[in-house]
Amino acid sequence: MKLLTAEIRAELPKRYAQEGNKNPIVYAKFFFPAGNWTWFVTEGDEEGDDFLFFGYVIGHEEEWGYFSLNELQGINIQGLTVERDLYFSRGSFKDVLAGFRKERGE
């Protein structure tokens, strides 16, 4: 599966474009199907031979941070890899996170 499509790349604001916005727009969602890791992408751009994202990460903890396309593509545990949520619709962070929590019964 292609994690970063041309469409997402074209729509995604460059890093720091939404800085200071307490409710930024989330443009993509990545997840690891055999774990609790989810990445909500709000910004990103090229950095050398990689693509650096900024967004909200839910894993061992929940926090805002940077993560790279190469890093996501490098995750492979017993043949399972990171996937892009094909049914994700972009929206405000608060709405996206509320929907995420509701899906999980939190």
N, C-alpha and C. Protein backbone atom coordinates (compact mmCIF):
# COMPACT_ATOMS: atom_id res chain seq x y z
N MET A 1 0.84 -1.18 0.00
CA MET A 1 0.00 0.00 0.00
C MET A 1 0.88 1.24 0.00
N LYS A 2 0.51 2.19 -0.82
CA LYS A 2 1.23 3.46 -0.86
C LYS A 2 0.72 4.34 0.28
N LEU A 3 1.61 4.71 1.20
CA LEU A 3 1.20 5.53 2.34
C LEU A 3 0.97 6.98 1.94
N LEU A 4 1.86 7.52 1.13
CA LEU A 4 1.76 8.93 0.75
C LEU A 4 1.41 9.03 -0.73
N THR A 5 0.16 9.32 -1.01
CA THR A 5 -0.29 9.45 -2.39
C THR A 5 0.01 10.86 -2.91
N ALA A 6 -0.05 11.01 -4.22
CA ALA A 6 0.16 12.33 -4.83
C ALA A 6 -0.91 13.32 -4.35
N GLU A 7 -2.13 12.83 -4.14
CA GLU A 7 -3.22 13.69 -3.68
C GLU A 7 -2.95 14.23 -2.27
N ILE A 8 -2.53 13.35 -1.36
CA ILE A 8 -2.23 13.78 0.00
C ILE A 8 -1.04 14.75 -0.02
N ARG A 9 -0.03 14.40 -0.79
CA ARG A 9 1.17 15.25 -0.89
C ARG A 9 0.81 16.66 -1.36
N ALA A 10 -0.11 16.75 -2.31
CA ALA A 10 -0.51 18.05 -2.87
C ALA A 10 -1.34 18.88 -1.88
N GLU A 11 -2.16 18.22 -1.08
CA GLU A 11 -3.06 18.92 -0.14
C GLU A 11 -2.39 19.27 1.18
N LEU A 12 -1.42 18.49 1.59
CA LEU A 12 -0.84 18.60 2.92
C LEU A 12 -0.05 19.90 3.08
N PRO A 13 -0.38 20.70 4.10
CA PRO A 13 0.38 21.92 4.34
C PRO A 13 1.82 21.59 4.75
N LYS A 14 2.73 22.49 4.42
CA LYS A 14 4.12 22.30 4.83
C LYS A 14 4.23 22.41 6.35
N ARG A 15 5.32 21.83 6.88
CA ARG A 15 5.54 21.89 8.33
C ARG A 15 5.50 23.33 8.82
N TYR A 16 4.91 23.52 9.95
CA TYR A 16 4.73 24.80 10.65
C TYR A 16 3.60 25.66 10.08
N ALA A 17 2.94 25.21 9.01
CA ALA A 17 1.86 26.00 8.41
C ALA A 17 0.66 26.14 9.34
N GLN A 18 0.43 25.14 10.19
CA GLN A 18 -0.71 25.20 11.11
C GLN A 18 -0.26 25.47 12.55
N GLU A 19 0.99 25.86 12.71
CA GLU A 19 1.54 26.11 14.04
C GLU A 19 0.70 27.15 14.76
N GLY A 20 0.40 26.89 16.02
CA GLY A 20 -0.40 27.80 16.82
C GLY A 20 -1.89 27.55 16.71
N ASN A 21 -2.30 26.76 15.73
CA ASN A 21 -3.71 26.41 15.56
C ASN A 21 -4.05 25.32 16.57
N LYS A 22 -4.94 25.59 17.48
CA LYS A 22 -5.29 24.62 18.52
C LYS A 22 -6.18 23.49 17.99
N ASN A 23 -6.69 23.64 16.78
CA ASN A 23 -7.55 22.62 16.20
C ASN A 23 -7.20 22.46 14.70
N PRO A 24 -5.96 21.98 14.42
CA PRO A 24 -5.52 21.90 13.02
C PRO A 24 -6.30 20.85 12.23
N ILE A 25 -6.21 20.94 10.93
CA ILE A 25 -6.84 19.97 10.05
C ILE A 25 -5.94 18.73 9.95
N VAL A 26 -6.55 17.56 10.05
CA VAL A 26 -5.85 16.29 9.89
C VAL A 26 -6.12 15.81 8.46
N TYR A 27 -5.06 15.50 7.73
CA TYR A 27 -5.17 15.16 6.31
C TYR A 27 -5.06 13.67 6.02
N ALA A 28 -4.46 12.91 6.93
CA ALA A 28 -4.31 11.47 6.70
C ALA A 28 -4.18 10.76 8.04
N LYS A 29 -4.49 9.48 8.00
CA LYS A 29 -4.37 8.64 9.20
C LYS A 29 -3.65 7.36 8.80
N PHE A 30 -2.56 7.06 9.53
CA PHE A 30 -1.85 5.81 9.35
C PHE A 30 -2.03 4.99 10.63
N PHE A 31 -1.97 3.67 10.50
CA PHE A 31 -2.12 2.82 11.68
C PHE A 31 -1.36 1.52 11.48
N PHE A 32 -1.02 0.90 12.60
CA PHE A 32 -0.39 -0.42 12.57
C PHE A 32 -1.46 -1.41 13.00
N PRO A 33 -1.85 -2.33 12.11
CA PRO A 33 -3.01 -3.18 12.36
C PRO A 33 -2.87 -4.17 13.51
N ALA A 34 -1.65 -4.45 13.95
CA ALA A 34 -1.48 -5.43 15.03
C ALA A 34 -1.11 -4.77 16.35
N GLY A 35 -1.39 -3.49 16.46
CA GLY A 35 -1.03 -2.78 17.68
C GLY A 35 -1.90 -1.57 17.88
N ASN A 36 -1.50 -0.77 18.84
CA ASN A 36 -2.29 0.41 19.19
C ASN A 36 -1.70 1.68 18.62
N TRP A 37 -0.84 1.59 17.61
CA TRP A 37 -0.19 2.77 17.07
C TRP A 37 -1.02 3.39 15.96
N THR A 38 -1.25 4.70 16.08
CA THR A 38 -1.97 5.47 15.07
C THR A 38 -1.30 6.82 14.93
N TRP A 39 -1.17 7.27 13.67
CA TRP A 39 -0.54 8.56 13.36
C TRP A 39 -1.54 9.41 12.61
N PHE A 40 -1.84 10.60 13.12
CA PHE A 40 -2.74 11.56 12.48
C PHE A 40 -1.88 12.68 11.89
N VAL A 41 -1.88 12.82 10.58
CA VAL A 41 -0.98 13.74 9.88
C VAL A 41 -1.64 15.11 9.69
N THR A 42 -0.95 16.16 10.17
CA THR A 42 -1.45 17.52 9.99
C THR A 42 -0.59 18.35 9.04
N GLU A 43 0.69 17.99 8.90
CA GLU A 43 1.62 18.76 8.06
C GLU A 43 2.72 17.84 7.56
N GLY A 44 3.45 18.29 6.56
CA GLY A 44 4.60 17.53 6.11
C GLY A 44 5.21 18.08 4.85
N ASP A 45 6.48 17.77 4.65
CA ASP A 45 7.17 18.14 3.42
C ASP A 45 8.46 17.34 3.27
N GLU A 46 9.04 17.47 2.09
CA GLU A 46 10.27 16.75 1.76
C GLU A 46 11.39 17.18 2.70
N GLU A 47 12.21 16.20 3.05
CA GLU A 47 13.44 16.48 3.78
C GLU A 47 14.49 15.50 3.28
N GLY A 48 15.34 15.99 2.42
CA GLY A 48 16.34 15.11 1.80
C GLY A 48 15.65 14.07 0.94
N ASP A 49 16.00 12.81 1.18
CA ASP A 49 15.38 11.72 0.42
C ASP A 49 14.21 11.10 1.19
N ASP A 50 13.64 11.84 2.12
CA ASP A 50 12.54 11.35 2.94
C ASP A 50 11.42 12.39 2.94
N PHE A 51 10.33 12.07 3.58
CA PHE A 51 9.21 12.99 3.76
C PHE A 51 8.95 13.04 5.24
N LEU A 52 9.01 14.21 5.84
CA LEU A 52 8.84 14.37 7.28
C LEU A 52 7.45 14.90 7.58
N PHE A 53 6.73 14.17 8.40
CA PHE A 53 5.38 14.54 8.80
C PHE A 53 5.40 15.15 10.20
N PHE A 54 4.36 15.92 10.50
CA PHE A 54 4.08 16.36 11.85
C PHE A 54 2.63 16.01 12.12
N GLY A 55 2.38 15.54 13.32
CA GLY A 55 1.00 15.20 13.66
C GLY A 55 0.90 14.62 15.06
N TYR A 56 -0.24 14.04 15.33
CA TYR A 56 -0.55 13.49 16.64
C TYR A 56 -0.36 11.99 16.58
N VAL A 57 0.41 11.46 17.53
CA VAL A 57 0.74 10.04 17.54
C VAL A 57 0.16 9.40 18.79
N ILE A 58 -0.55 8.31 18.58
CA ILE A 58 -1.06 7.50 19.68
C ILE A 58 -0.31 6.18 19.65
N GLY A 59 0.42 5.91 20.71
CA GLY A 59 1.21 4.68 20.83
C GLY A 59 1.31 4.33 22.29
N HIS A 60 2.53 4.25 22.78
CA HIS A 60 2.70 4.03 24.22
C HIS A 60 2.15 5.21 25.01
N GLU A 61 2.27 6.38 24.40
CA GLU A 61 1.72 7.62 24.95
C GLU A 61 1.03 8.35 23.81
N GLU A 62 0.38 9.45 24.11
CA GLU A 62 -0.22 10.30 23.09
C GLU A 62 0.51 11.63 23.09
N GLU A 63 0.99 12.03 21.90
CA GLU A 63 1.75 13.27 21.84
C GLU A 63 1.85 13.78 20.41
N TRP A 64 2.09 15.08 20.28
CA TRP A 64 2.38 15.71 19.01
C TRP A 64 3.85 15.46 18.71
N GLY A 65 4.17 15.22 17.44
CA GLY A 65 5.56 15.01 17.11
C GLY A 65 5.80 14.80 15.63
N TYR A 66 7.07 14.57 15.31
CA TYR A 66 7.50 14.35 13.94
C TYR A 66 7.69 12.86 13.70
N PHE A 67 7.41 12.42 12.48
CA PHE A 67 7.67 11.04 12.07
C PHE A 67 7.88 11.05 10.57
N SER A 68 8.67 10.12 10.10
CA SER A 68 9.04 10.16 8.68
C SER A 68 8.38 9.03 7.90
N LEU A 69 8.26 9.26 6.61
CA LEU A 69 7.72 8.25 5.71
C LEU A 69 8.61 7.01 5.72
N ASN A 70 9.93 7.20 5.67
CA ASN A 70 10.84 6.05 5.71
C ASN A 70 10.67 5.26 6.99
N GLU A 71 10.48 5.95 8.10
CA GLU A 71 10.28 5.29 9.39
C GLU A 71 9.01 4.43 9.35
N LEU A 72 7.92 5.00 8.86
CA LEU A 72 6.67 4.26 8.79
C LEU A 72 6.78 3.06 7.85
N GLN A 73 7.43 3.27 6.71
CA GLN A 73 7.58 2.19 5.74
C GLN A 73 8.52 1.09 6.23
N GLY A 74 9.37 1.42 7.19
CA GLY A 74 10.32 0.45 7.72
C GLY A 74 9.74 -0.46 8.79
N ILE A 75 8.55 -0.17 9.25
CA ILE A 75 7.94 -1.00 10.29
C ILE A 75 7.38 -2.26 9.63
N ASN A 76 7.90 -3.39 10.06
CA ASN A 76 7.45 -4.68 9.53
C ASN A 76 7.65 -5.71 10.63
N ILE A 77 6.57 -6.13 11.22
CA ILE A 77 6.62 -7.12 12.29
C ILE A 77 5.85 -8.35 11.82
N GLN A 78 6.59 -9.41 11.58
CA GLN A 78 6.04 -10.67 11.08
C GLN A 78 5.15 -10.44 9.85
N GLY A 79 5.61 -9.59 8.95
CA GLY A 79 4.89 -9.34 7.71
C GLY A 79 3.81 -8.28 7.78
N LEU A 80 3.54 -7.76 8.96
CA LEU A 80 2.54 -6.70 9.10
C LEU A 80 3.22 -5.35 9.01
N THR A 81 2.63 -4.45 8.25
CA THR A 81 3.21 -3.14 8.02
C THR A 81 2.18 -2.05 8.33
N VAL A 82 2.67 -0.82 8.40
CA VAL A 82 1.79 0.33 8.62
C VAL A 82 0.90 0.51 7.39
N GLU A 83 -0.35 0.86 7.63
CA GLU A 83 -1.31 1.07 6.55
C GLU A 83 -1.89 2.47 6.64
N ARG A 84 -2.41 2.95 5.52
CA ARG A 84 -3.14 4.21 5.48
C ARG A 84 -4.62 3.87 5.55
N ASP A 85 -5.36 4.59 6.37
CA ASP A 85 -6.80 4.39 6.47
C ASP A 85 -7.45 4.90 5.18
N LEU A 86 -7.89 3.98 4.35
CA LEU A 86 -8.45 4.32 3.04
C LEU A 86 -9.80 5.03 3.16
N TYR A 87 -10.46 4.91 4.30
CA TYR A 87 -11.78 5.49 4.49
C TYR A 87 -11.75 6.77 5.32
N PHE A 88 -10.55 7.24 5.63
CA PHE A 88 -10.40 8.44 6.44
C PHE A 88 -10.82 9.68 5.65
N SER A 89 -11.57 10.55 6.31
CA SER A 89 -11.94 11.84 5.73
C SER A 89 -11.28 12.93 6.56
N ARG A 90 -10.60 13.84 5.88
CA ARG A 90 -9.92 14.89 6.64
C ARG A 90 -10.93 15.70 7.43
N GLY A 91 -10.45 16.25 8.53
CA GLY A 91 -11.30 17.05 9.39
C GLY A 91 -10.49 17.70 10.47
N SER A 92 -11.16 18.45 11.32
CA SER A 92 -10.46 19.12 12.41
C SER A 92 -9.96 18.08 13.40
N PHE A 93 -8.85 18.39 14.04
CA PHE A 93 -8.24 17.46 14.98
C PHE A 93 -9.24 17.01 16.04
N LYS A 94 -9.97 17.96 16.63
CA LYS A 94 -10.90 17.60 17.69
C LYS A 94 -11.97 16.64 17.20
N ASP A 95 -12.50 16.86 16.00
CA ASP A 95 -13.52 15.96 15.44
C ASP A 95 -12.94 14.59 15.11
N VAL A 96 -11.76 14.59 14.51
CA VAL A 96 -11.11 13.33 14.13
C VAL A 96 -10.80 12.50 15.37
N LEU A 97 -10.25 13.12 16.41
CA LEU A 97 -9.90 12.40 17.63
C LEU A 97 -11.16 11.89 18.34
N ALA A 98 -12.21 12.71 18.37
CA ALA A 98 -13.47 12.27 18.98
C ALA A 98 -14.04 11.05 18.24
N GLY A 99 -13.99 11.06 16.91
CA GLY A 99 -14.44 9.93 16.13
C GLY A 99 -13.60 8.69 16.37
N PHE A 100 -12.31 8.87 16.47
CA PHE A 100 -11.38 7.77 16.76
C PHE A 100 -11.72 7.12 18.10
N ARG A 101 -11.91 7.96 19.12
CA ARG A 101 -12.21 7.43 20.45
C ARG A 101 -13.58 6.73 20.48
N LYS A 102 -14.54 7.30 19.77
CA LYS A 102 -15.88 6.70 19.72
C LYS A 102 -15.82 5.32 19.07
N GLU A 103 -15.06 5.19 17.98
CA GLU A 103 -14.90 3.89 17.31
C GLU A 103 -14.35 2.84 18.24
N ARG A 104 -13.52 3.24 19.18
CA ARG A 104 -12.89 2.32 20.11
C ARG A 104 -13.65 2.18 21.42
N GLY A 105 -14.77 2.85 21.55
CA GLY A 105 -15.58 2.73 22.75
C GLY A 105 -14.97 3.41 23.95
N GLU A 106 -14.16 4.42 23.72
CA GLU A 106 -13.51 5.14 24.84
C GLU A 106 -14.38 6.28 25.32
